[in-house]
Amino acid sequence: MKILANDGISQSGIDALTNDGFEVITTKVAQAQLINYINEHNIAGLLVRSATKVRKDLIDACESLQLIGRGGVGMDNIDVAYARDKGIHVINTPAASSSSVAELVFGHLLNGVRFLHDANRNMPLEGDSRFKELKKSYAKGSELRGKTLGIIGFGRIGKATAERAIGLGMNVIASDPFIDKATVSVEFFDGQSLDFEIVTETMESVLKNADFITLHVPAQKEYIIGKKEIALMKQGAGIVNASRGGIIDEVALIDALDAGKLSFAGLDVFENEPTPAIKVLMNPYVSLTPHIGAATYEAQDRIGLELATQINTLLKK
């Protein structure tokens, strides 16, 4: 039985599937050629990340397809309900990348409060000629300890982010319309752990009271953060989005950064991926990464192994 990992899969995932008797193909097939390739090679399972789209036309055209797997959390690039109605298994790995995404959030937060993103742009250009001026311009940093982190979306990644925030000595508040309260377990290197119960609040309350906002929600049809929501935030607050592009109004965001309403933004995802707006890319108050939240060796190993386990359970006969 053939599995096409069109957007790649970790070697541990390949090994696990191969040991279970599957043939794993890691050839990258262009979207326009995908239907023909699946049919020609009698592909039973198609594994994707965010790049490959699995829409109704492909589902209808590929009778050999028994399973679609998404290596990650969001499945907005797959017509999930339609596939399942056609009897095709649709799986993902919602827990595997939580730690990696949460750590990237803090990469952006630390960039923002210590101006690392801008310093790393300017030091190679002017560090030898304007060292003292650059030192002065980056001298008004702040610590995360003692500040309030507002988490919008309190699922697995939101809770993983809260765990790290608590470990840094931050106060955590959260908003999620589907969760009233949640327990966050902070685990330490020696096996000890502490549990913290967090009762969720309204989004308005979180926006008003947080020093920093981080977003952990699925793809939306409309903005979650626009001009109105930004106006509710504290003067000089920072915001991080490592969930999905299109949930922040980027025009309103850049206006708020330029006006000093917000001090910085950390963006791993963008409205117009894979061609983000130049105004966003060039703004000195924005810390940027190219949608790499789950792109760690550890997360990819967990994703590959979790996909392999599910595939073996669903397809092995």
Protein backbone atom coordinates (compact mmCIF):
# COMPACT_ATOMS: atom_id res chain seq x y z
CA MET A 1 0.00 0.00 0.00
CA LYS A 2 1.50 3.34 -1.10
CA ILE A 3 1.67 6.51 0.96
CA LEU A 4 2.62 9.80 -0.73
CA ALA A 5 4.13 12.29 1.73
CA ASN A 6 3.85 15.21 -0.64
CA ASP A 7 5.10 17.87 1.78
CA GLY A 8 7.66 15.59 3.40
CA ILE A 9 7.74 13.43 6.52
CA SER A 10 10.45 12.74 9.12
CA GLN A 11 12.75 9.76 8.70
CA SER A 12 11.31 8.27 11.88
CA GLY A 13 7.86 8.40 10.27
CA ILE A 14 9.16 6.81 7.09
CA ASP A 15 10.86 4.04 9.06
CA ALA A 16 7.75 3.34 11.12
CA LEU A 17 5.53 3.15 8.04
CA THR A 18 8.05 1.01 6.15
CA ASN A 19 8.30 -1.39 9.08
CA ASP A 20 4.51 -1.67 9.02
CA GLY A 21 4.63 -2.72 5.37
CA PHE A 22 3.78 0.53 3.63
CA GLU A 23 5.67 1.98 0.67
CA VAL A 24 6.46 5.64 1.40
CA ILE A 25 6.98 8.04 -1.50
CA THR A 26 8.47 11.44 -0.71
CA THR A 27 8.50 12.84 -4.23
CA LYS A 28 7.22 16.43 -4.24
CA VAL A 29 4.42 16.52 -6.79
CA ALA A 30 3.20 19.87 -8.10
CA GLN A 31 -0.40 20.67 -7.23
CA ALA A 32 -1.44 20.64 -10.90
CA GLN A 33 0.01 17.14 -11.38
CA LEU A 34 -1.17 15.63 -8.12
CA ILE A 35 -4.37 13.98 -9.38
CA ASN A 36 -2.56 12.25 -12.22
CA TYR A 37 0.25 11.09 -9.94
CA ILE A 38 -2.10 9.65 -7.33
CA ASN A 39 -4.05 7.76 -9.98
CA GLU A 40 -0.99 6.52 -11.88
CA HIS A 41 0.68 5.19 -8.73
CA ASN A 42 -2.47 3.94 -6.98
CA ILE A 43 -1.80 6.04 -3.88
CA ALA A 44 -3.82 4.99 -0.83
CA GLY A 45 -2.69 7.67 1.59
CA LEU A 46 -1.82 11.31 0.94
CA LEU A 47 0.14 13.19 3.62
CA VAL A 48 0.36 16.98 3.46
CA ARG A 49 1.31 19.97 5.55
CA SER A 50 0.13 23.47 4.66
CA ALA A 51 1.45 23.70 1.09
CA THR A 52 -0.61 21.03 -0.68
CA LYS A 53 -4.35 21.61 -1.10
CA VAL A 54 -6.77 18.68 -1.00
CA ARG A 55 -10.04 19.94 -2.42
CA LYS A 56 -13.20 18.35 -3.80
CA ASP A 57 -11.85 17.98 -7.33
CA LEU A 58 -8.91 15.89 -6.15
CA ILE A 59 -11.06 13.84 -3.77
CA ASP A 60 -13.56 13.05 -6.56
CA ALA A 61 -10.88 12.24 -9.10
CA CYS A 62 -8.76 9.88 -6.96
CA GLU A 63 -10.65 6.67 -6.28
CA SER A 64 -7.63 4.92 -4.76
CA LEU A 65 -7.38 7.48 -1.96
CA GLN A 66 -8.35 6.00 1.41
CA LEU A 67 -6.66 8.44 3.78
CA ILE A 68 -5.59 12.08 3.92
CA GLY A 69 -3.19 13.08 6.69
CA ARG A 70 -2.21 16.57 7.79
CA GLY A 71 1.11 16.85 9.56
CA GLY A 72 0.10 19.56 12.00
CA VAL A 73 -2.98 21.09 13.57
CA GLY A 74 -5.07 23.15 11.15
CA MET A 75 -6.77 21.42 8.23
CA ASP A 76 -8.06 24.46 6.34
CA ASN A 77 -6.19 23.25 3.22
CA ILE A 78 -8.33 20.08 3.16
CA ASP A 79 -12.06 19.71 2.43
CA VAL A 80 -12.39 17.57 5.53
CA ALA A 81 -16.16 17.07 5.74
CA TYR A 82 -16.44 16.28 2.04
CA ALA A 83 -13.63 13.71 2.21
CA ARG A 84 -15.16 12.00 5.22
CA ASP A 85 -18.55 11.92 3.52
CA LYS A 86 -16.84 10.03 0.70
CA GLY A 87 -15.54 7.46 3.17
CA ILE A 88 -11.97 8.75 3.29
CA HIS A 89 -10.15 8.88 6.62
CA VAL A 90 -8.87 12.38 7.48
CA ILE A 91 -6.32 12.63 10.26
CA ASN A 92 -4.00 15.22 11.77
CA THR A 93 -1.52 15.55 14.64
CA PRO A 94 -2.93 18.23 16.94
CA ALA A 95 -0.59 17.69 19.89
CA ALA A 96 2.73 17.00 18.18
CA SER A 97 3.80 20.57 17.44
CA SER A 98 2.45 22.40 20.51
CA SER A 99 5.81 22.73 22.25
CA SER A 100 7.60 24.01 19.15
CA VAL A 101 4.98 26.65 18.39
CA ALA A 102 4.89 27.80 22.01
CA GLU A 103 8.67 28.23 22.06
CA LEU A 104 8.57 30.23 18.82
CA VAL A 105 6.04 32.56 20.45
CA PHE A 106 8.63 33.36 23.10
CA GLY A 107 11.26 33.84 20.44
CA HIS A 108 9.10 36.62 19.04
CA LEU A 109 8.28 38.03 22.48
CA LEU A 110 11.95 38.22 23.41
CA ASN A 111 12.74 39.76 20.03
CA GLY A 112 10.12 42.42 20.66
CA VAL A 113 10.99 43.45 24.21
CA ARG A 114 14.75 43.55 23.48
CA PHE A 115 14.63 44.77 19.85
CA LEU A 116 16.62 41.74 18.67
CA HIS A 117 14.92 41.60 15.26
CA ASP A 118 15.84 45.21 14.49
CA ALA A 119 19.31 44.97 16.00
CA ASN A 120 20.03 41.97 13.79
CA ARG A 121 19.04 44.02 10.75
CA ASN A 122 21.15 47.04 11.66
CA MET A 123 24.25 45.66 13.35
CA PRO A 124 25.66 44.04 10.17
CA LEU A 125 25.16 47.32 8.32
CA GLU A 126 26.12 49.89 10.93
CA GLY A 127 27.51 48.09 13.95
CA ASP A 128 31.08 49.13 13.18
CA SER A 129 30.27 52.79 12.46
CA ARG A 130 27.33 53.62 14.75
CA PHE A 131 27.82 51.25 17.68
CA LYS A 132 27.15 53.83 20.39
CA GLU A 133 24.04 55.18 18.64
CA LEU A 134 22.63 51.69 18.17
CA LYS A 135 23.38 50.83 21.79
CA LYS A 136 21.42 53.89 22.89
CA SER A 137 18.48 53.19 20.56
CA TYR A 138 18.10 49.65 21.94
CA ALA A 139 18.63 50.63 25.59
CA LYS A 140 14.95 50.78 26.59
CA GLY A 141 14.18 47.09 26.71
CA SER A 142 11.89 45.42 29.22
CA GLU A 143 11.61 42.05 30.95
CA LEU A 144 8.86 39.49 30.46
CA ARG A 145 8.91 38.48 34.11
CA GLY A 146 6.05 40.10 36.00
CA LYS A 147 4.16 41.08 32.85
CA THR A 148 0.75 39.77 31.79
CA LEU A 149 0.42 37.52 28.76
CA GLY A 150 -3.04 37.34 27.20
CA ILE A 151 -3.69 34.11 25.29
CA ILE A 152 -6.56 34.09 22.80
CA GLY A 153 -7.42 30.48 22.05
CA PHE A 154 -6.70 28.13 24.94
CA GLY A 155 -6.36 24.76 23.31
CA ARG A 156 -3.21 22.60 23.30
CA ILE A 157 -0.87 25.28 21.92
CA GLY A 158 -2.40 28.01 24.05
CA LYS A 159 -1.84 25.91 27.17
CA ALA A 160 1.72 25.04 26.12
CA THR A 161 2.36 28.76 25.74
CA ALA A 162 0.87 29.42 29.17
CA GLU A 163 3.17 26.77 30.67
CA ARG A 164 6.23 28.57 29.38
CA ALA A 165 4.91 31.96 30.43
CA ILE A 166 4.35 30.77 33.99
CA GLY A 167 7.86 29.30 34.01
CA LEU A 168 9.20 32.75 33.15
CA GLY A 169 7.27 34.33 35.98
CA MET A 170 4.53 35.90 33.88
CA ASN A 171 0.88 36.33 34.80
CA VAL A 172 -1.36 34.48 32.34
CA ILE A 173 -4.90 35.38 31.33
CA ALA A 174 -6.81 33.64 28.55
CA SER A 175 -9.92 33.79 26.42
CA ASP A 176 -11.66 30.92 24.65
CA PRO A 177 -15.40 30.69 23.93
CA PHE A 178 -15.29 26.89 24.22
CA ILE A 179 -13.28 26.56 27.44
CA ASP A 180 -14.34 27.84 30.86
CA LYS A 181 -11.18 26.85 32.70
CA ALA A 182 -8.14 24.68 32.19
CA THR A 183 -5.29 23.24 34.21
CA VAL A 184 -1.78 24.07 33.06
CA SER A 185 0.93 21.72 34.31
CA VAL A 186 4.41 23.18 34.48
CA GLU A 187 6.94 20.35 34.42
CA PHE A 188 10.50 20.78 35.63
CA PHE A 189 13.74 19.04 34.67
CA ASP A 190 13.83 16.89 37.81
CA GLY A 191 10.38 15.37 37.37
CA GLN A 192 8.57 17.77 39.66
CA SER A 193 5.53 19.64 38.38
CA LEU A 194 3.08 22.31 39.50
CA ASP A 195 -0.52 22.71 38.37
CA PHE A 196 -2.16 26.08 37.76
CA GLU A 197 -5.86 26.51 37.09
CA ILE A 198 -6.68 29.32 34.68
CA VAL A 199 -10.25 30.54 34.35
CA THR A 200 -10.89 32.08 30.97
CA GLU A 201 -12.21 35.61 30.54
CA THR A 202 -13.88 37.57 27.78
CA MET A 203 -11.70 38.54 24.86
CA GLU A 204 -12.36 42.21 25.65
CA SER A 205 -11.03 41.74 29.17
CA VAL A 206 -7.90 39.98 27.92
CA LEU A 207 -7.21 42.69 25.34
CA LYS A 208 -7.59 45.44 27.94
CA ASN A 209 -5.43 43.86 30.63
CA ALA A 210 -2.59 42.07 28.84
CA ASP A 211 0.84 43.54 28.22
CA PHE A 212 1.26 41.08 25.36
CA ILE A 213 -1.25 39.16 23.27
CA THR A 214 -0.63 35.82 21.56
CA LEU A 215 -3.14 34.20 19.21
CA HIS A 216 -3.82 30.47 18.97
CA VAL A 217 -6.98 30.00 16.94
CA PRO A 218 -7.90 28.15 13.73
CA ALA A 219 -8.39 29.89 10.40
CA GLN A 220 -11.25 32.38 10.39
CA LYS A 221 -13.44 33.98 7.75
CA GLU A 222 -13.05 37.40 9.38
CA TYR A 223 -10.41 39.21 11.38
CA ILE A 224 -10.22 38.50 15.10
CA ILE A 225 -7.93 41.47 15.67
CA GLY A 226 -8.79 44.65 13.81
CA LYS A 227 -8.81 48.37 14.47
CA LYS A 228 -11.48 48.08 17.17
CA GLU A 229 -9.67 45.32 19.06
CA ILE A 230 -6.31 47.09 18.83
CA ALA A 231 -7.90 50.20 20.33
CA LEU A 232 -8.80 48.14 23.42
CA MET A 233 -5.21 47.04 24.00
CA LYS A 234 -2.80 48.73 26.37
CA GLN A 235 -0.66 51.55 25.06
CA GLY A 236 2.63 49.98 23.97
CA ALA A 237 1.39 46.38 24.05
CA GLY A 238 2.89 43.71 21.81
CA ILE A 239 1.15 41.00 19.78
CA VAL A 240 2.28 37.65 18.37
CA ASN A 241 0.52 35.52 15.76
CA ALA A 242 1.86 32.00 15.20
CA SER A 243 -1.50 30.41 14.35
CA ARG A 244 -3.05 31.36 11.00
CA GLY A 245 -2.74 34.28 8.62
CA GLY A 246 -5.81 36.41 8.07
CA ILE A 247 -6.86 36.68 11.70
CA ILE A 248 -5.11 40.04 12.15
CA ASP A 249 -5.96 43.02 9.96
CA GLU A 250 -2.44 43.78 8.82
CA VAL A 251 -3.30 47.30 7.65
CA ALA A 252 -4.66 48.16 11.10
CA LEU A 253 -1.66 46.45 12.68
CA ILE A 254 0.92 48.46 10.75
CA ASP A 255 -0.98 51.68 11.44
CA ALA A 256 -0.95 50.89 15.18
CA LEU A 257 2.77 50.09 15.14
CA ASP A 258 3.67 53.26 13.25
CA ALA A 259 1.50 55.35 15.58
CA GLY A 260 3.10 53.84 18.69
CA LYS A 261 -0.13 52.28 19.95
CA LEU A 262 1.59 48.88 19.75
CA SER A 263 5.30 48.49 20.46
CA PHE A 264 5.92 45.41 18.33
CA ALA A 265 4.37 42.47 16.53
CA GLY A 266 5.75 38.97 16.03
CA LEU A 267 4.39 37.26 12.92
CA ASP A 268 4.96 33.70 11.78
CA VAL A 269 1.90 33.72 9.51
CA PHE A 270 0.52 36.28 7.08
CA GLU A 271 -2.60 37.26 5.19
CA ASN A 272 -1.04 36.75 1.78
CA GLU A 273 1.15 33.69 2.17
CA PRO A 274 3.43 32.92 0.46
CA THR A 275 3.81 36.57 -0.64
CA PRO A 276 3.42 38.71 2.50
CA ALA A 277 2.81 42.43 2.09
CA ILE A 278 6.00 44.48 1.70
CA LYS A 279 4.78 46.97 4.32
CA VAL A 280 4.68 44.16 6.84
CA LEU A 281 8.06 42.71 5.85
CA MET A 282 9.82 46.07 5.96
CA ASN A 283 8.33 47.47 9.16
CA PRO A 284 11.04 47.85 11.83
CA TYR A 285 8.61 46.96 14.62
CA VAL A 286 7.76 43.51 13.24
CA SER A 287 9.66 40.33 14.13
CA LEU A 288 9.31 37.94 11.19
CA THR A 289 9.50 34.20 10.55
CA PRO A 290 8.22 32.31 7.45
CA HIS A 291 5.54 30.01 9.00
CA ILE A 292 7.98 27.79 10.88
CA GLY A 293 6.02 27.17 14.09
CA ALA A 294 6.23 23.38 13.83
CA ALA A 295 9.58 23.30 12.04
CA THR A 296 11.75 21.64 14.66
CA TYR A 297 13.35 18.20 14.52
CA GLU A 298 11.49 17.17 17.65
CA ALA A 299 8.07 18.25 16.37
CA GLN A 300 8.60 16.66 12.97
CA ASP A 301 9.63 13.38 14.61
CA ARG A 302 6.50 13.41 16.75
CA ILE A 303 4.35 14.29 13.73
CA GLY A 304 5.83 11.51 11.60
CA LEU A 305 5.43 8.88 14.31
CA GLU A 306 1.89 9.97 15.18
CA LEU A 307 0.85 9.86 11.51
CA ALA A 308 2.43 6.42 11.13
CA THR A 309 0.56 5.08 14.15
CA GLN A 310 -2.78 6.36 12.89
CA ILE A 311 -2.18 5.11 9.34
CA ASN A 312 -1.26 1.68 10.60
CA THR A 313 -4.42 1.54 12.72
CA LEU A 314 -6.73 2.70 9.92
CA LEU A 315 -5.26 1.06 6.81
CA LYS A 316 -3.31 -2.02 7.85
CA LYS A 317 -5.21 -5.18 7.05
